[in-house]
Amino acid sequence: MAVGHARERERGELLRKLVVIGDQRPSQRRRYHLLAAASLENATTLDPAVRAEVMSRAAFLIPRPPERRRRTWRRRARWSSMCCRGRPT
């Protein structure tokens, strides 16, 4: 919540510190990086470089789905977009 109340510069400093502390403490890395990623929800304005830094750390924490599941999602998305074309909303 502090991220949402902070000014843009302070917001960036706070999120960068969470990332740095997470990098320095391997045993608590997940906790700090997830906290930084969750704080992005409250960061209305933020330096794009800071946002990218936080997101890159979070990407390592979220497992990528297996290739088979990704293919299924792509196929379903394609089918869904074909079925919904031309239908009134």
C-alpha atoms as a PDB file:
ATOM      1  CA  MET A   1       0.000   0.000   0.000  1.00  0.00           C
ATOM      2  CA  ALA A   2       2.953   2.308   0.577  1.00  0.00           C
ATOM      3  CA  VAL A   3       3.683   2.125  -3.138  1.00  0.00           C
ATOM      4  CA  GLY A   4       0.257   3.513  -3.946  1.00  0.00           C
ATOM      5  CA  HIS A   5       0.681   6.474  -1.595  1.00  0.00           C
ATOM      6  CA  ALA A   6       4.242   7.327  -2.590  1.00  0.00           C
ATOM      7  CA  ARG A   7       5.275   9.852  -5.217  1.00  0.00           C
ATOM      8  CA  GLU A   8       6.632   8.471  -8.472  1.00  0.00           C
ATOM      9  CA  ARG A   9      10.318   8.854  -7.549  1.00  0.00           C
ATOM     10  CA  GLU A  10       9.793   7.332  -4.091  1.00  0.00           C
ATOM     11  CA  ARG A  11       7.758   4.519  -5.638  1.00  0.00           C
ATOM     12  CA  GLY A  12      10.652   3.634  -7.933  1.00  0.00           C
ATOM     13  CA  GLU A  13      13.156   3.749  -5.065  1.00  0.00           C
ATOM     14  CA  LEU A  14      11.000   1.486  -2.907  1.00  0.00           C
ATOM     15  CA  LEU A  15      10.503  -1.103  -5.639  1.00  0.00           C
ATOM     16  CA  ARG A  16      14.194  -1.046  -6.588  1.00  0.00           C
ATOM     17  CA  LYS A  17      15.149  -1.594  -2.937  1.00  0.00           C
ATOM     18  CA  LEU A  18      12.835  -4.612  -2.744  1.00  0.00           C
ATOM     19  CA  VAL A  19      14.483  -6.059  -5.848  1.00  0.00           C
ATOM     20  CA  VAL A  20      18.000  -5.376  -4.550  1.00  0.00           C
ATOM     21  CA  ILE A  21      17.272  -6.881  -1.133  1.00  0.00           C
ATOM     22  CA  GLY A  22      15.794  -9.926  -2.829  1.00  0.00           C
ATOM     23  CA  ASP A  23      18.914 -10.271  -4.956  1.00  0.00           C
ATOM     24  CA  GLN A  24      21.164  -9.997  -1.890  1.00  0.00           C
ATOM     25  CA  ARG A  25      19.239 -12.504   0.257  1.00  0.00           C
ATOM     26  CA  PRO A  26      18.824 -15.775  -1.655  1.00  0.00           C
ATOM     27  CA  SER A  27      16.846 -17.393   1.163  1.00  0.00           C
ATOM     28  CA  GLN A  28      14.224 -14.628   0.991  1.00  0.00           C
ATOM     29  CA  ARG A  29      14.471 -13.798  -2.716  1.00  0.00           C
ATOM     30  CA  ARG A  30      11.031 -15.130  -3.580  1.00  0.00           C
ATOM     31  CA  ARG A  31       9.351 -13.129  -0.820  1.00  0.00           C
ATOM     32  CA  TYR A  32      10.884  -9.771  -1.785  1.00  0.00           C
ATOM     33  CA  HIS A  33      10.470 -10.202  -5.525  1.00  0.00           C
ATOM     34  CA  LEU A  34       6.833 -11.280  -5.161  1.00  0.00           C
ATOM     35  CA  LEU A  35       6.174  -8.334  -2.854  1.00  0.00           C
ATOM     36  CA  ALA A  36       7.617  -5.982  -5.474  1.00  0.00           C
ATOM     37  CA  ALA A  37       5.516  -7.602  -8.206  1.00  0.00           C
ATOM     38  CA  ALA A  38       2.334  -7.418  -6.112  1.00  0.00           C
ATOM     39  CA  SER A  39       3.042  -3.751  -5.405  1.00  0.00           C
ATOM     40  CA  LEU A  40       2.902  -2.954  -9.116  1.00  0.00           C
ATOM     41  CA  GLU A  41      -0.879  -3.160  -8.867  1.00  0.00           C
ATOM     42  CA  ASN A  42      -0.860   0.014  -6.764  1.00  0.00           C
ATOM     43  CA  ALA A  43       1.780   1.832  -8.815  1.00  0.00           C
ATOM     44  CA  THR A  44      -0.285   4.107 -11.020  1.00  0.00           C
ATOM     45  CA  THR A  45       2.719   5.896 -12.528  1.00  0.00           C
ATOM     46  CA  LEU A  46       6.141   4.347 -12.571  1.00  0.00           C
ATOM     47  CA  ASP A  47       9.365   4.553 -14.528  1.00  0.00           C
ATOM     48  CA  PRO A  48       9.112   1.867 -17.252  1.00  0.00           C
ATOM     49  CA  ALA A  49      12.639   0.668 -16.430  1.00  0.00           C
ATOM     50  CA  VAL A  50      11.650  -0.042 -12.818  1.00  0.00           C
ATOM     51  CA  ARG A  51       8.495  -1.844 -13.927  1.00  0.00           C
ATOM     52  CA  ALA A  52      10.522  -3.970 -16.366  1.00  0.00           C
ATOM     53  CA  GLU A  53      13.075  -4.797 -13.658  1.00  0.00           C
ATOM     54  CA  VAL A  54      10.378  -5.970 -11.238  1.00  0.00           C
ATOM     55  CA  MET A  55       8.583  -7.960 -13.942  1.00  0.00           C
ATOM     56  CA  SER A  56      11.797  -9.683 -15.026  1.00  0.00           C
ATOM     57  CA  ARG A  57      12.393 -10.875 -11.471  1.00  0.00           C
ATOM     58  CA  ALA A  58       8.801 -12.062 -11.138  1.00  0.00           C
ATOM     59  CA  ALA A  59       9.035 -13.992 -14.407  1.00  0.00           C
ATOM     60  CA  PHE A  60      11.609 -16.308 -12.845  1.00  0.00           C
ATOM     61  CA  LEU A  61       9.242 -17.113  -9.982  1.00  0.00           C
ATOM     62  CA  ILE A  62       6.237 -18.057 -12.084  1.00  0.00           C
ATOM     63  CA  PRO A  63       6.721 -21.408 -13.817  1.00  0.00           C
ATOM     64  CA  ARG A  64       6.126 -21.507 -17.544  1.00  0.00           C
ATOM     65  CA  PRO A  65       3.436 -23.996 -18.573  1.00  0.00           C
ATOM     66  CA  PRO A  66       4.511 -27.036 -20.591  1.00  0.00           C
ATOM     67  CA  GLU A  67       4.588 -26.705 -24.392  1.00  0.00           C
ATOM     68  CA  ARG A  68       1.597 -29.020 -24.779  1.00  0.00           C
ATOM     69  CA  ARG A  69      -0.589 -26.765 -22.631  1.00  0.00           C
ATOM     70  CA  ARG A  70       0.570 -23.612 -24.462  1.00  0.00           C
ATOM     71  CA  ARG A  71      -0.356 -25.216 -27.809  1.00  0.00           C
ATOM     72  CA  THR A  72      -3.803 -26.078 -26.455  1.00  0.00           C
ATOM     73  CA  TRP A  73      -4.328 -22.484 -25.274  1.00  0.00           C
ATOM     74  CA  ARG A  74      -3.279 -21.096 -28.661  1.00  0.00           C
ATOM     75  CA  ARG A  75      -5.615 -23.491 -30.464  1.00  0.00           C
ATOM     76  CA  ARG A  76      -8.549 -22.581 -28.203  1.00  0.00           C
ATOM     77  CA  ALA A  77      -7.861 -18.867 -28.562  1.00  0.00           C
ATOM     78  CA  ARG A  78      -7.819 -19.216 -32.351  1.00  0.00           C
ATOM     79  CA  TRP A  79     -11.073 -21.210 -32.309  1.00  0.00           C
ATOM     80  CA  SER A  80     -12.707 -18.703 -29.960  1.00  0.00           C
ATOM     81  CA  SER A  81     -11.771 -15.744 -32.138  1.00  0.00           C
ATOM     82  CA  MET A  82     -13.121 -17.506 -35.252  1.00  0.00           C
ATOM     83  CA  CYS A  83     -16.416 -18.350 -33.564  1.00  0.00           C
ATOM     84  CA  CYS A  84     -17.030 -14.851 -32.271  1.00  0.00           C
ATOM     85  CA  ARG A  85     -16.389 -12.974 -35.523  1.00  0.00           C
ATOM     86  CA  GLY A  86     -19.387 -11.260 -36.980  1.00  0.00           C
ATOM     87  CA  ARG A  87     -21.589 -11.860 -33.964  1.00  0.00           C
ATOM     88  CA  PRO A  88     -23.327  -8.829 -32.521  1.00  0.00           C
ATOM     89  CA  THR A  89     -22.282  -7.968 -29.001  1.00  0.00           C
END
